[in-house]
Amino acid sequence: MTFSPELESKFAKLLESYPQGRTRSAVIPMLLFAQDELGHISNELIEEVARRCKVTPLQVDEVVGYYSMLHRKPMGQYHVQVCTNISCLLRGGEELFEHASKTLGLRHKEVAPDGQFSLEEVECIGACSWAPAVQINYDFHHHVTEEKLDGLIAELRKNQ
């Protein structure tokens, strides 16, 4: 599998940073970096990460299946994740997800036909003190209201 020189450099640094025999610890960061470059986790990528980390493809596949931030299909350019875990739920997270769904015209884990947005209801993004919380790609937004979410989406649409 061919990656950009920048990604190859990241992979090399990752593998060097772990003690001998512990390269399996690089599986998650490798998958995340590769997903950022490729857009999703393919079977070919799973095999490549397994080879580089000296684990079985099944072990890598199990990691992909466990972590919700790893995606087997491409997500939108802007991946909107709305937390509906207990803290966010109590502060309107479920209603916020429904609003996002209506605004974007998407259901859970759907991607817009133009590929601009995708939507996902998530269990927890670690922002319980600032509920309800939304993550768009790697940007966190706290105390999100429907109006604030509308503004975020409008700004992203404007940037296209």
N, C-alpha and C. Protein backbone atom coordinates (compact mmCIF):
# COMPACT_ATOMS: atom_id res chain seq x y z
N MET A 1 0.86 -1.17 0.00
CA MET A 1 0.00 0.00 0.00
C MET A 1 0.90 1.23 0.00
N THR A 2 0.50 2.26 -0.75
CA THR A 2 1.30 3.47 -0.87
C THR A 2 0.68 4.60 -0.07
N PHE A 3 1.51 5.27 0.73
CA PHE A 3 1.08 6.42 1.52
C PHE A 3 1.94 7.61 1.16
N SER A 4 1.50 8.78 1.56
CA SER A 4 2.28 9.99 1.33
C SER A 4 3.58 9.92 2.13
N PRO A 5 4.61 10.66 1.71
CA PRO A 5 5.86 10.69 2.49
C PRO A 5 5.64 11.17 3.93
N GLU A 6 4.71 12.09 4.12
CA GLU A 6 4.41 12.60 5.46
C GLU A 6 3.85 11.49 6.36
N LEU A 7 2.94 10.69 5.80
CA LEU A 7 2.36 9.60 6.58
C LEU A 7 3.40 8.52 6.85
N GLU A 8 4.23 8.22 5.87
CA GLU A 8 5.30 7.24 6.08
C GLU A 8 6.21 7.70 7.21
N SER A 9 6.49 8.98 7.27
CA SER A 9 7.35 9.53 8.33
C SER A 9 6.67 9.38 9.69
N LYS A 10 5.37 9.65 9.76
CA LYS A 10 4.62 9.48 11.01
C LYS A 10 4.65 8.02 11.46
N PHE A 11 4.45 7.12 10.51
CA PHE A 11 4.48 5.69 10.83
C PHE A 11 5.84 5.29 11.40
N ALA A 12 6.90 5.75 10.75
CA ALA A 12 8.25 5.39 11.20
C ALA A 12 8.50 5.91 12.61
N LYS A 13 8.11 7.15 12.88
CA LYS A 13 8.29 7.72 14.22
C LYS A 13 7.48 6.95 15.26
N LEU A 14 6.27 6.58 14.90
CA LEU A 14 5.44 5.80 15.82
C LEU A 14 6.11 4.48 16.19
N LEU A 15 6.54 3.76 15.18
CA LEU A 15 7.14 2.45 15.43
C LEU A 15 8.44 2.56 16.23
N GLU A 16 9.18 3.63 16.03
CA GLU A 16 10.42 3.85 16.78
C GLU A 16 10.14 4.25 18.23
N SER A 17 8.97 4.80 18.50
CA SER A 17 8.68 5.32 19.85
C SER A 17 8.27 4.24 20.85
N TYR A 18 7.98 3.04 20.36
CA TYR A 18 7.58 1.95 21.25
C TYR A 18 8.74 0.98 21.45
N PRO A 19 8.85 0.40 22.65
CA PRO A 19 9.93 -0.57 22.90
C PRO A 19 9.81 -1.78 21.98
N GLN A 20 10.92 -2.44 21.78
CA GLN A 20 10.95 -3.66 20.98
C GLN A 20 9.87 -4.63 21.47
N GLY A 21 9.12 -5.18 20.54
CA GLY A 21 8.08 -6.13 20.90
C GLY A 21 6.75 -5.49 21.31
N ARG A 22 6.69 -4.18 21.33
CA ARG A 22 5.46 -3.48 21.73
C ARG A 22 4.88 -2.65 20.58
N THR A 23 5.21 -2.99 19.36
CA THR A 23 4.74 -2.21 18.23
C THR A 23 3.23 -2.29 18.05
N ARG A 24 2.59 -3.26 18.67
CA ARG A 24 1.12 -3.35 18.57
C ARG A 24 0.46 -2.10 19.17
N SER A 25 1.17 -1.41 20.04
CA SER A 25 0.65 -0.17 20.62
C SER A 25 0.47 0.93 19.58
N ALA A 26 1.10 0.77 18.43
CA ALA A 26 0.99 1.77 17.36
C ALA A 26 -0.24 1.55 16.49
N VAL A 27 -1.00 0.50 16.71
CA VAL A 27 -2.13 0.17 15.84
C VAL A 27 -3.14 1.32 15.78
N ILE A 28 -3.60 1.81 16.92
CA ILE A 28 -4.64 2.84 16.91
C ILE A 28 -4.15 4.15 16.29
N PRO A 29 -2.99 4.69 16.71
CA PRO A 29 -2.58 5.93 16.06
C PRO A 29 -2.30 5.74 14.56
N MET A 30 -1.78 4.60 14.17
CA MET A 30 -1.55 4.35 12.74
C MET A 30 -2.86 4.37 11.97
N LEU A 31 -3.87 3.70 12.52
CA LEU A 31 -5.17 3.68 11.86
C LEU A 31 -5.77 5.08 11.75
N LEU A 32 -5.64 5.86 12.83
CA LEU A 32 -6.18 7.22 12.80
C LEU A 32 -5.48 8.09 11.77
N PHE A 33 -4.15 8.04 11.75
CA PHE A 33 -3.39 8.83 10.77
C PHE A 33 -3.73 8.41 9.35
N ALA A 34 -3.80 7.10 9.12
CA ALA A 34 -4.11 6.60 7.78
C ALA A 34 -5.54 6.96 7.37
N GLN A 35 -6.47 6.87 8.31
CA GLN A 35 -7.85 7.23 8.01
C GLN A 35 -7.94 8.70 7.60
N ASP A 36 -7.18 9.56 8.27
CA ASP A 36 -7.18 10.97 7.90
C ASP A 36 -6.71 11.17 6.46
N GLU A 37 -5.74 10.38 6.05
CA GLU A 37 -5.21 10.52 4.68
C GLU A 37 -6.11 9.84 3.65
N LEU A 38 -6.60 8.65 3.97
CA LEU A 38 -7.34 7.84 2.99
C LEU A 38 -8.85 8.04 3.04
N GLY A 39 -9.36 8.50 4.17
CA GLY A 39 -10.79 8.74 4.30
C GLY A 39 -11.57 7.64 5.00
N HIS A 40 -11.00 6.46 5.09
CA HIS A 40 -11.66 5.36 5.78
C HIS A 40 -10.67 4.21 5.97
N ILE A 41 -11.11 3.18 6.68
CA ILE A 41 -10.28 2.01 6.95
C ILE A 41 -10.70 0.89 5.99
N SER A 42 -9.83 0.53 5.09
CA SER A 42 -10.10 -0.54 4.13
C SER A 42 -9.46 -1.84 4.63
N ASN A 43 -9.85 -2.95 4.02
CA ASN A 43 -9.23 -4.24 4.35
C ASN A 43 -7.74 -4.22 4.04
N GLU A 44 -7.39 -3.55 2.95
CA GLU A 44 -5.98 -3.44 2.58
C GLU A 44 -5.19 -2.68 3.65
N LEU A 45 -5.79 -1.63 4.18
CA LEU A 45 -5.13 -0.87 5.24
C LEU A 45 -4.98 -1.72 6.50
N ILE A 46 -6.00 -2.47 6.84
CA ILE A 46 -5.93 -3.35 8.01
C ILE A 46 -4.75 -4.31 7.87
N GLU A 47 -4.60 -4.90 6.71
CA GLU A 47 -3.50 -5.83 6.48
C GLU A 47 -2.15 -5.13 6.57
N GLU A 48 -2.06 -3.91 6.05
CA GLU A 48 -0.80 -3.16 6.08
C GLU A 48 -0.42 -2.78 7.50
N VAL A 49 -1.37 -2.30 8.28
CA VAL A 49 -1.09 -1.93 9.68
C VAL A 49 -0.71 -3.18 10.47
N ALA A 50 -1.38 -4.28 10.22
CA ALA A 50 -1.04 -5.53 10.90
C ALA A 50 0.40 -5.94 10.60
N ARG A 51 0.78 -5.85 9.35
CA ARG A 51 2.14 -6.21 8.96
C ARG A 51 3.17 -5.32 9.66
N ARG A 52 2.92 -4.02 9.63
CA ARG A 52 3.88 -3.08 10.21
C ARG A 52 3.96 -3.20 11.74
N CYS A 53 2.85 -3.52 12.37
CA CYS A 53 2.82 -3.61 13.84
C CYS A 53 3.06 -5.02 14.36
N LYS A 54 3.27 -5.94 13.43
CA LYS A 54 3.55 -7.34 13.79
C LYS A 54 2.44 -7.98 14.63
N VAL A 55 1.21 -7.78 14.17
CA VAL A 55 0.04 -8.43 14.75
C VAL A 55 -0.75 -9.05 13.61
N THR A 56 -1.81 -9.76 13.93
CA THR A 56 -2.61 -10.37 12.87
C THR A 56 -3.64 -9.37 12.34
N PRO A 57 -4.05 -9.54 11.09
CA PRO A 57 -5.12 -8.69 10.58
C PRO A 57 -6.39 -8.77 11.44
N LEU A 58 -6.68 -9.93 12.00
CA LEU A 58 -7.85 -10.08 12.86
C LEU A 58 -7.74 -9.16 14.08
N GLN A 59 -6.56 -9.05 14.66
CA GLN A 59 -6.38 -8.17 15.82
C GLN A 59 -6.64 -6.70 15.44
N VAL A 60 -6.17 -6.29 14.29
CA VAL A 60 -6.41 -4.92 13.83
C VAL A 60 -7.89 -4.73 13.52
N ASP A 61 -8.49 -5.71 12.88
CA ASP A 61 -9.92 -5.65 12.56
C ASP A 61 -10.77 -5.52 13.82
N GLU A 62 -10.38 -6.21 14.89
CA GLU A 62 -11.10 -6.10 16.15
C GLU A 62 -11.00 -4.68 16.73
N VAL A 63 -9.85 -4.04 16.57
CA VAL A 63 -9.67 -2.65 17.02
C VAL A 63 -10.61 -1.74 16.23
N VAL A 64 -10.66 -1.93 14.92
CA VAL A 64 -11.53 -1.11 14.07
C VAL A 64 -12.99 -1.29 14.47
N GLY A 65 -13.37 -2.50 14.78
CA GLY A 65 -14.76 -2.77 15.19
C GLY A 65 -15.10 -2.19 16.55
N TYR A 66 -14.12 -2.03 17.41
CA TYR A 66 -14.38 -1.55 18.77
C TYR A 66 -14.48 -0.04 18.85
N TYR A 67 -13.62 0.68 18.16
CA TYR A 67 -13.55 2.14 18.31
C TYR A 67 -14.44 2.84 17.29
N SER A 68 -15.37 3.63 17.80
CA SER A 68 -16.33 4.30 16.92
C SER A 68 -15.71 5.41 16.08
N MET A 69 -14.50 5.85 16.42
CA MET A 69 -13.88 6.91 15.62
C MET A 69 -13.17 6.35 14.39
N LEU A 70 -13.17 5.05 14.23
CA LEU A 70 -12.59 4.41 13.06
C LEU A 70 -13.73 3.98 12.15
N HIS A 71 -13.63 4.34 10.87
CA HIS A 71 -14.75 4.15 9.94
C HIS A 71 -14.34 3.29 8.75
N ARG A 72 -15.19 2.32 8.46
CA ARG A 72 -14.95 1.43 7.33
C ARG A 72 -15.41 2.04 6.01
N LYS A 73 -16.21 3.07 6.08
CA LYS A 73 -16.63 3.75 4.85
C LYS A 73 -16.31 5.24 5.01
N PRO A 74 -16.11 5.93 3.90
CA PRO A 74 -15.79 7.35 4.00
C PRO A 74 -16.91 8.14 4.68
N MET A 75 -16.52 9.05 5.54
CA MET A 75 -17.45 9.97 6.17
C MET A 75 -17.43 11.27 5.37
N GLY A 76 -18.30 12.21 5.74
CA GLY A 76 -18.34 13.47 5.05
C GLY A 76 -17.10 14.31 5.31
N GLN A 77 -16.93 15.34 4.50
CA GLN A 77 -15.83 16.27 4.72
C GLN A 77 -15.91 16.84 6.13
N TYR A 78 -17.14 17.08 6.58
CA TYR A 78 -17.39 17.52 7.95
C TYR A 78 -18.20 16.43 8.65
N HIS A 79 -17.55 15.73 9.56
CA HIS A 79 -18.21 14.64 10.28
C HIS A 79 -18.73 15.19 11.61
N VAL A 80 -20.05 15.33 11.71
CA VAL A 80 -20.70 15.91 12.88
C VAL A 80 -21.09 14.79 13.83
N GLN A 81 -20.53 14.84 15.05
CA GLN A 81 -20.85 13.85 16.06
C GLN A 81 -21.53 14.55 17.23
N VAL A 82 -22.72 14.08 17.56
CA VAL A 82 -23.49 14.66 18.65
C VAL A 82 -23.54 13.65 19.79
N CYS A 83 -23.08 14.07 20.96
CA CYS A 83 -23.08 13.18 22.12
C CYS A 83 -24.48 13.09 22.71
N THR A 84 -24.90 11.85 22.99
CA THR A 84 -26.20 11.65 23.64
C THR A 84 -26.04 10.77 24.88
N ASN A 85 -24.82 10.71 25.43
CA ASN A 85 -24.62 9.97 26.67
C ASN A 85 -25.30 10.72 27.81
N ILE A 86 -25.29 10.18 29.00
CA ILE A 86 -26.14 10.65 30.09
C ILE A 86 -26.04 12.15 30.36
N SER A 87 -24.85 12.71 30.48
CA SER A 87 -24.73 14.14 30.78
C SER A 87 -25.32 14.98 29.65
N CYS A 88 -24.95 14.62 28.42
CA CYS A 88 -25.48 15.37 27.28
C CYS A 88 -26.98 15.12 27.11
N LEU A 89 -27.41 13.89 27.36
CA LEU A 89 -28.83 13.55 27.27
C LEU A 89 -29.66 14.43 28.20
N LEU A 90 -29.18 14.58 29.44
CA LEU A 90 -29.91 15.38 30.43
C LEU A 90 -29.93 16.86 30.09
N ARG A 91 -29.00 17.30 29.24
CA ARG A 91 -28.91 18.71 28.87
C ARG A 91 -29.41 18.96 27.45
N GLY A 92 -30.12 17.99 26.85
CA GLY A 92 -30.72 18.20 25.54
C GLY A 92 -29.98 17.57 24.37
N GLY A 93 -29.07 16.65 24.64
CA GLY A 93 -28.30 16.02 23.57
C GLY A 93 -29.14 15.25 22.56
N GLU A 94 -30.16 14.56 23.06
CA GLU A 94 -31.01 13.80 22.15
C GLU A 94 -31.79 14.73 21.21
N GLU A 95 -32.32 15.81 21.77
CA GLU A 95 -33.03 16.79 20.95
C GLU A 95 -32.07 17.47 19.97
N LEU A 96 -30.84 17.70 20.42
CA LEU A 96 -29.83 18.31 19.55
C LEU A 96 -29.49 17.39 18.39
N PHE A 97 -29.39 16.09 18.66
CA PHE A 97 -29.13 15.14 17.58
C PHE A 97 -30.30 15.14 16.59
N GLU A 98 -31.53 15.13 17.09
CA GLU A 98 -32.69 15.17 16.20
C GLU A 98 -32.70 16.44 15.35
N HIS A 99 -32.32 17.56 15.97
CA HIS A 99 -32.24 18.82 15.23
C HIS A 99 -31.17 18.74 14.14
N ALA A 100 -30.01 18.18 14.49
CA ALA A 100 -28.93 18.03 13.51
C ALA A 100 -29.38 17.13 12.37
N SER A 101 -30.08 16.06 12.70
CA SER A 101 -30.58 15.13 11.70
C SER A 101 -31.53 15.84 10.73
N LYS A 102 -32.43 16.63 11.28
CA LYS A 102 -33.38 17.36 10.44
C LYS A 102 -32.67 18.43 9.61
N THR A 103 -31.77 19.17 10.22
CA THR A 103 -31.05 20.24 9.54
C THR A 103 -30.20 19.71 8.39
N LEU A 104 -29.49 18.61 8.63
CA LEU A 104 -28.60 18.05 7.62
C LEU A 104 -29.32 17.08 6.68
N GLY A 105 -30.51 16.63 7.06
CA GLY A 105 -31.24 15.66 6.25
C GLY A 105 -30.57 14.29 6.29
N LEU A 106 -29.95 13.99 7.42
CA LEU A 106 -29.21 12.73 7.56
C LEU A 106 -29.63 12.00 8.82
N ARG A 107 -29.52 10.68 8.77
CA ARG A 107 -29.71 9.87 9.96
C ARG A 107 -28.35 9.42 10.47
N HIS A 108 -28.36 8.67 11.56
CA HIS A 108 -27.14 8.17 12.19
C HIS A 108 -26.24 7.45 11.17
N LYS A 109 -25.00 7.88 11.09
CA LYS A 109 -23.95 7.31 10.24
C LYS A 109 -24.24 7.44 8.75
N GLU A 110 -25.06 8.41 8.38
CA GLU A 110 -25.31 8.67 6.96
C GLU A 110 -24.38 9.78 6.48
N VAL A 111 -24.12 9.74 5.16
CA VAL A 111 -23.28 10.74 4.51
C VAL A 111 -24.14 11.43 3.45
N ALA A 112 -24.05 12.75 3.39
CA ALA A 112 -24.79 13.51 2.39
C ALA A 112 -24.35 13.08 0.98
N PRO A 113 -25.25 13.11 0.02
CA PRO A 113 -24.89 12.69 -1.35
C PRO A 113 -23.70 13.46 -1.92
N ASP A 114 -23.55 14.72 -1.53
CA ASP A 114 -22.41 15.51 -2.04
C ASP A 114 -21.13 15.28 -1.24
N GLY A 115 -21.21 14.47 -0.18
CA GLY A 115 -20.04 14.15 0.62
C GLY A 115 -19.60 15.24 1.57
N GLN A 116 -20.37 16.32 1.66
CA GLN A 116 -19.96 17.44 2.50
C GLN A 116 -20.12 17.13 3.99
N PHE A 117 -21.24 16.53 4.38
CA PHE A 117 -21.52 16.26 5.80
C PHE A 117 -21.83 14.78 6.04
N SER A 118 -21.50 14.34 7.23
CA SER A 118 -21.99 13.06 7.74
C SER A 118 -22.39 13.32 9.18
N LEU A 119 -23.23 12.46 9.71
CA LEU A 119 -23.78 12.65 11.05
C LEU A 119 -23.69 11.35 11.83
N GLU A 120 -23.32 11.49 13.10
CA GLU A 120 -23.23 10.31 13.95
C GLU A 120 -23.63 10.68 15.37
N GLU A 121 -24.48 9.83 15.96
CA GLU A 121 -24.81 9.93 17.37
C GLU A 121 -23.77 9.12 18.12
N VAL A 122 -23.08 9.76 19.08
CA VAL A 122 -22.01 9.07 19.80
C VAL A 122 -22.33 8.99 21.28
N GLU A 123 -21.76 8.00 21.92
CA GLU A 123 -22.00 7.75 23.34
C GLU A 123 -21.30 8.74 24.25
N CYS A 124 -20.07 9.11 23.95
CA CYS A 124 -19.37 10.02 24.83
C CYS A 124 -18.17 10.61 24.11
N ILE A 125 -17.99 11.91 24.23
CA ILE A 125 -16.80 12.54 23.67
C ILE A 125 -15.99 13.21 24.79
N GLY A 126 -16.28 12.82 26.02
CA GLY A 126 -15.48 13.26 27.15
C GLY A 126 -15.65 14.72 27.52
N ALA A 127 -16.83 15.25 27.31
CA ALA A 127 -17.07 16.67 27.62
C ALA A 127 -18.29 16.81 28.52
N CYS A 128 -18.43 15.94 29.48
CA CYS A 128 -19.62 15.89 30.33
C CYS A 128 -19.88 17.20 31.07
N SER A 129 -18.84 17.89 31.46
CA SER A 129 -19.00 19.14 32.20
C SER A 129 -19.52 20.28 31.32
N TRP A 130 -19.45 20.09 30.01
CA TRP A 130 -19.85 21.16 29.09
C TRP A 130 -20.99 20.71 28.19
N ALA A 131 -21.82 19.83 28.66
CA ALA A 131 -22.90 19.25 27.87
C ALA A 131 -23.94 20.31 27.50
N PRO A 132 -24.61 20.08 26.38
CA PRO A 132 -24.37 19.06 25.38
C PRO A 132 -23.18 19.43 24.50
N ALA A 133 -22.48 18.41 24.05
CA ALA A 133 -21.26 18.60 23.28
C ALA A 133 -21.38 18.00 21.89
N VAL A 134 -20.67 18.65 20.97
CA VAL A 134 -20.63 18.22 19.58
C VAL A 134 -19.17 18.25 19.14
N GLN A 135 -18.80 17.28 18.34
CA GLN A 135 -17.47 17.27 17.74
C GLN A 135 -17.65 17.28 16.24
N ILE A 136 -16.96 18.19 15.57
CA ILE A 136 -16.97 18.24 14.11
C ILE A 136 -15.52 18.04 13.68
N ASN A 137 -15.27 16.90 13.05
CA ASN A 137 -13.92 16.45 12.77
C ASN A 137 -13.14 16.42 14.08
N TYR A 138 -12.12 17.24 14.25
CA TYR A 138 -11.35 17.24 15.50
C TYR A 138 -11.65 18.46 16.36
N ASP A 139 -12.67 19.21 16.03
CA ASP A 139 -13.02 20.41 16.79
C ASP A 139 -14.20 20.12 17.73
N PHE A 140 -14.00 20.45 19.01
CA PHE A 140 -15.03 20.24 20.02
C PHE A 140 -15.80 21.53 20.24
N HIS A 141 -17.10 21.39 20.47
CA HIS A 141 -17.98 22.52 20.75
C HIS A 141 -18.81 22.16 21.98
N HIS A 142 -18.80 23.08 22.94
CA HIS A 142 -19.45 22.82 24.23
C HIS A 142 -20.67 23.70 24.43
N HIS A 143 -21.57 23.26 25.32
CA HIS A 143 -22.82 23.98 25.61
C HIS A 143 -23.54 24.33 24.30
N VAL A 144 -23.67 23.35 23.43
CA VAL A 144 -24.23 23.59 22.10
C VAL A 144 -25.76 23.64 22.17
N THR A 145 -26.29 24.69 21.61
CA THR A 145 -27.73 24.85 21.46
C THR A 145 -28.08 24.59 19.99
N GLU A 146 -29.36 24.49 19.70
CA GLU A 146 -29.76 24.33 18.30
C GLU A 146 -29.30 25.51 17.47
N GLU A 147 -29.39 26.71 18.03
CA GLU A 147 -28.97 27.92 17.32
C GLU A 147 -27.45 27.90 17.07
N LYS A 148 -26.69 27.49 18.07
CA LYS A 148 -25.24 27.42 17.90
C LYS A 148 -24.87 26.38 16.84
N LEU A 149 -25.54 25.24 16.87
CA LEU A 149 -25.28 24.21 15.87
C LEU A 149 -25.64 24.71 14.47
N ASP A 150 -26.76 25.40 14.35
CA ASP A 150 -27.13 25.97 13.05
C ASP A 150 -26.05 26.92 12.54
N GLY A 151 -25.49 27.72 13.44
CA GLY A 151 -24.43 28.65 13.06
C GLY A 151 -23.17 27.93 12.61
N LEU A 152 -22.81 26.86 13.32
CA LEU A 152 -21.63 26.08 12.94
C LEU A 152 -21.81 25.46 11.55
N ILE A 153 -22.98 24.88 11.31
CA ILE A 153 -23.25 24.25 10.02
C ILE A 153 -23.27 25.29 8.91
N ALA A 154 -23.89 26.43 9.17
CA ALA A 154 -23.94 27.50 8.17
C ALA A 154 -22.52 27.97 7.82
N GLU A 155 -21.67 28.11 8.81
CA GLU A 155 -20.29 28.55 8.57
C GLU A 155 -19.53 27.52 7.73
N LEU A 156 -19.73 26.25 8.02
CA LEU A 156 -19.06 25.21 7.24
C LEU A 156 -19.57 25.18 5.80
N ARG A 157 -20.86 25.38 5.63
CA ARG A 157 -21.42 25.41 4.26
C ARG A 157 -20.89 26.61 3.49
N LYS A 158 -20.70 27.71 4.19
CA LYS A 158 -20.19 28.94 3.56
C LYS A 158 -18.75 28.75 3.08
N ASN A 159 -17.99 27.93 3.78
CA ASN A 159 -16.58 27.70 3.44
C ASN A 159 -16.39 26.84 2.21
N GLN A 160 -17.47 26.32 1.65
CA GLN A 160 -17.35 25.45 0.47
C GLN A 160 -17.20 26.24 -0.79
